[in-house]
Amino acid sequence: MRKLAVWTLAVALLASGCATYHAGRLPSSDVSSFSNSQDQDGLKVAVKMMDARESKQVFGVGRVAELYQPIYIAIDNRTKSSYEFKKRDLNKQSVPAEEVAKTCKFNTAGRATAYGVAGVFIWPLLIPAVVDGTGSANANQKMESDYMYKEIQDTRIQPNGLLNGVVFVDKMKDGEEIAIRLHNTDTNEIKLFSFKK
């Protein structure tokens, strides 16, 4: 009976270490709350170049900031015209959120394999192998869905409309610039907003 209690406790402790995904919220969409914002005739744009701490808080893992520069963009259209935002119109090539999530995913194959091999000799260790593998798959799916939800969409911003989200680009050095082009759908005028890291 005592051995069973020890095994149960050991299995519970091993299973509790499986991968889970917990992420935070994006910053406020209130453009006026950002120190790095610009206003051109009622079209307001703000950006937040996320550092490693902010990135981990928003995306749940530290790898995002190690590999990419996440940039939060908030656009507030207080004009009488519609403007179009497209990630391809940035001066830097964006990386799709799905690709970022796949690059940053939890990989616990090594742990699950170790548990599985040990489980051949000590059968209770098969439980954490299955739990860890399933937990990682669920965590990776949640991560991918969350990253895609937080990614800024290519869309038209109607008068008095808001658009916000994150764009992922390659790592940026201090002093590098991100340029955002917004196309007025009524007049074909282009508004350019530039921000330095």
Protein backbone atom coordinates (compact mmCIF):
# COMPACT_ATOMS: atom_id res chain seq x y z
CA MET A 1 0.00 0.00 0.00
CA ARG A 2 2.83 2.36 0.89
CA LYS A 3 4.58 1.64 -2.43
CA LEU A 4 1.38 2.47 -4.30
CA ALA A 5 1.13 5.82 -2.50
CA VAL A 6 4.75 6.65 -3.36
CA TRP A 7 4.22 5.73 -7.02
CA THR A 8 1.02 7.74 -7.21
CA LEU A 9 2.76 10.77 -5.75
CA ALA A 10 5.71 10.37 -8.13
CA VAL A 11 3.42 10.11 -11.16
CA ALA A 12 1.41 13.14 -10.03
CA LEU A 13 4.57 15.22 -9.66
CA LEU A 14 5.91 14.15 -13.05
CA ALA A 15 2.59 14.81 -14.78
CA SER A 16 2.30 18.28 -13.26
CA GLY A 17 5.32 19.46 -15.28
CA CYS A 18 3.65 19.12 -18.67
CA ALA A 19 3.49 22.03 -21.11
CA THR A 20 0.73 24.59 -20.74
CA TYR A 21 0.15 27.87 -22.54
CA HIS A 22 -0.83 31.02 -20.66
CA ALA A 23 -0.64 34.40 -22.36
CA GLY A 24 -1.50 37.94 -21.43
CA ARG A 25 -3.49 40.66 -23.09
CA LEU A 26 -2.42 43.14 -25.71
CA PRO A 27 -1.78 46.75 -24.66
CA SER A 28 -4.60 49.30 -24.76
CA SER A 29 -5.96 50.32 -28.15
CA ASP A 30 -6.19 53.94 -26.96
CA VAL A 31 -3.67 55.65 -29.25
CA SER A 32 -3.35 58.69 -26.96
CA SER A 33 -2.00 56.48 -24.15
CA PHE A 34 1.21 55.69 -26.10
CA SER A 35 4.33 57.82 -25.98
CA ASN A 36 5.23 56.71 -29.51
CA SER A 37 2.26 58.02 -31.51
CA GLN A 38 1.62 60.34 -34.45
CA ASP A 39 -1.44 62.21 -35.71
CA GLN A 40 -1.89 63.28 -39.33
CA ASP A 41 -5.12 65.21 -39.85
CA GLY A 42 -7.13 62.98 -37.53
CA LEU A 43 -5.51 59.70 -38.56
CA LYS A 44 -3.65 58.52 -35.46
CA VAL A 45 -1.12 55.71 -35.30
CA ALA A 46 0.80 54.41 -32.29
CA VAL A 47 3.37 51.63 -32.02
CA LYS A 48 4.93 49.71 -29.17
CA MET A 49 8.15 47.83 -29.92
CA MET A 50 7.86 45.02 -27.40
CA ASP A 51 10.93 44.14 -25.37
CA ALA A 52 11.62 40.61 -24.06
CA ARG A 53 9.62 41.10 -20.83
CA GLU A 54 6.56 42.55 -22.57
CA SER A 55 6.71 39.92 -25.28
CA LYS A 56 6.81 37.07 -22.76
CA GLN A 57 3.90 38.61 -20.87
CA VAL A 58 1.76 38.95 -24.03
CA PHE A 59 2.80 35.74 -25.82
CA GLY A 60 3.52 33.41 -22.90
CA VAL A 61 7.00 32.33 -24.02
CA GLY A 62 10.36 34.09 -24.14
CA ARG A 63 11.36 32.73 -27.55
CA VAL A 64 9.25 35.25 -29.49
CA ALA A 65 11.50 38.20 -28.57
CA GLU A 66 14.64 36.09 -29.07
CA LEU A 67 13.73 35.39 -32.69
CA TYR A 68 11.46 38.26 -33.80
CA GLN A 69 10.55 41.86 -33.10
CA PRO A 70 6.87 41.95 -32.11
CA ILE A 71 5.42 45.39 -32.83
CA TYR A 72 2.03 46.37 -31.46
CA ILE A 73 0.20 48.79 -33.78
CA ALA A 74 -2.92 50.80 -32.91
CA ILE A 75 -4.68 52.91 -35.55
CA ASP A 76 -7.51 55.33 -34.76
CA ASN A 77 -9.22 56.81 -37.82
CA ARG A 78 -10.94 60.08 -36.83
CA THR A 79 -11.27 61.27 -40.43
CA LYS A 80 -14.21 61.17 -42.85
CA SER A 81 -12.39 58.76 -45.18
CA SER A 82 -11.65 55.05 -45.05
CA TYR A 83 -8.02 53.94 -44.92
CA GLU A 84 -6.61 50.58 -45.83
CA PHE A 85 -3.88 48.81 -43.84
CA LYS A 86 -1.87 45.95 -45.32
CA LYS A 87 1.12 44.26 -43.74
CA ARG A 88 2.79 44.05 -47.15
CA ASP A 89 2.89 47.88 -47.22
CA LEU A 90 5.24 47.99 -44.22
CA ASN A 91 8.89 48.76 -44.96
CA LYS A 92 9.81 45.45 -43.27
CA GLN A 93 8.58 42.04 -44.28
CA SER A 94 6.22 40.58 -41.73
CA VAL A 95 6.32 37.00 -40.52
CA PRO A 96 2.90 35.31 -40.31
CA ALA A 97 1.72 34.63 -36.75
CA GLU A 98 1.18 30.96 -37.58
CA GLU A 99 4.86 30.62 -38.54
CA VAL A 100 5.97 32.43 -35.36
CA ALA A 101 3.85 30.07 -33.24
CA LYS A 102 5.29 27.01 -34.97
CA THR A 103 8.83 28.29 -34.41
CA CYS A 104 8.14 28.96 -30.71
CA LYS A 105 6.07 25.83 -29.97
CA PHE A 106 6.61 23.57 -27.01
CA ASN A 107 8.73 20.56 -27.90
CA THR A 108 8.54 17.93 -25.21
CA ALA A 109 9.21 14.92 -27.43
CA GLY A 110 12.44 14.26 -25.54
CA ARG A 111 10.70 14.20 -22.16
CA ALA A 112 7.79 12.11 -23.46
CA THR A 113 10.23 9.66 -25.06
CA ALA A 114 12.25 9.39 -21.85
CA TYR A 115 9.08 8.72 -19.87
CA GLY A 116 7.98 6.18 -22.48
CA VAL A 117 11.28 4.27 -22.45
CA ALA A 118 11.34 4.28 -18.64
CA GLY A 119 7.67 3.25 -18.73
CA VAL A 120 8.64 -0.02 -20.42
CA PHE A 121 10.39 -0.95 -17.19
CA ILE A 122 8.26 0.98 -14.69
CA TRP A 123 4.73 1.08 -16.14
CA PRO A 124 3.42 4.08 -14.13
CA LEU A 125 5.85 6.31 -16.06
CA LEU A 126 3.77 5.72 -19.20
CA ILE A 127 1.13 8.03 -17.73
CA PRO A 128 3.28 11.19 -17.78
CA ALA A 129 4.48 10.29 -21.28
CA VAL A 130 0.91 10.35 -22.57
CA VAL A 131 -0.10 13.37 -20.46
CA ASP A 132 2.98 15.36 -21.51
CA GLY A 133 2.50 14.59 -25.20
CA THR A 134 -1.19 15.48 -25.11
CA GLY A 135 -0.58 18.59 -23.00
CA SER A 136 2.06 19.85 -25.41
CA ALA A 137 -0.20 19.37 -28.43
CA ASN A 138 -3.03 21.27 -26.68
CA ALA A 139 -0.67 24.04 -25.55
CA ASN A 140 0.74 24.41 -29.07
CA GLN A 141 -2.75 24.65 -30.57
CA LYS A 142 -3.75 27.31 -28.01
CA MET A 143 -0.54 29.22 -28.75
CA GLU A 144 -1.11 29.19 -32.50
CA SER A 145 -4.74 30.33 -32.12
CA ASP A 146 -3.74 33.10 -29.71
CA TYR A 147 -0.93 34.41 -31.94
CA MET A 148 -3.23 34.46 -34.97
CA TYR A 149 -5.93 36.26 -32.96
CA LYS A 150 -3.43 38.93 -31.81
CA GLU A 151 -1.94 39.49 -35.27
CA ILE A 152 -3.06 42.74 -36.90
CA GLN A 153 -5.37 42.11 -39.84
CA ASP A 154 -5.15 43.47 -43.36
CA THR A 155 -8.36 45.48 -43.51
CA ARG A 156 -10.11 48.74 -44.21
CA ILE A 157 -10.44 51.16 -41.28
CA GLN A 158 -13.76 52.97 -41.57
CA PRO A 159 -14.24 56.58 -40.36
CA ASN A 160 -14.20 56.61 -36.53
CA GLY A 161 -12.87 53.06 -36.61
CA LEU A 162 -10.05 51.39 -34.73
CA LEU A 163 -7.58 48.71 -35.73
CA ASN A 164 -5.01 47.15 -33.48
CA GLY A 165 -2.81 44.09 -33.28
CA VAL A 166 0.73 42.79 -33.53
CA VAL A 167 2.98 42.39 -36.50
CA PHE A 168 6.08 40.19 -36.27
CA VAL A 169 9.20 41.23 -38.17
CA ASP A 170 12.83 40.13 -38.06
CA LYS A 171 14.82 41.35 -35.06
CA MET A 172 15.42 45.10 -35.15
CA LYS A 173 18.40 47.04 -33.84
CA ASP A 174 18.09 50.29 -31.92
CA GLY A 175 17.60 53.15 -34.35
CA GLU A 176 15.98 50.98 -37.03
CA GLU A 177 12.68 52.21 -38.37
CA ILE A 178 9.28 50.72 -39.05
CA ALA A 179 7.24 52.62 -41.66
CA ILE A 180 3.47 52.17 -41.88
CA ARG A 181 1.67 53.21 -45.05
CA LEU A 182 -2.07 53.80 -44.94
CA HIS A 183 -3.97 54.19 -48.21
CA ASN A 184 -6.97 56.55 -48.37
CA THR A 185 -9.56 54.57 -50.33
CA ASP A 186 -11.45 57.73 -51.38
CA THR A 187 -8.58 59.90 -52.68
CA ASN A 188 -5.76 57.33 -53.18
CA GLU A 189 -3.58 59.51 -50.91
CA ILE A 190 -0.92 57.65 -48.91
CA LYS A 191 -0.18 58.62 -45.31
CA LEU A 192 3.22 57.49 -44.06
CA PHE A 193 4.00 57.01 -40.35
CA SER A 194 7.58 56.21 -39.33
CA PHE A 195 8.74 55.05 -35.90
CA LYS A 196 12.22 54.27 -34.64
CA LYS A 197 13.09 51.51 -32.21
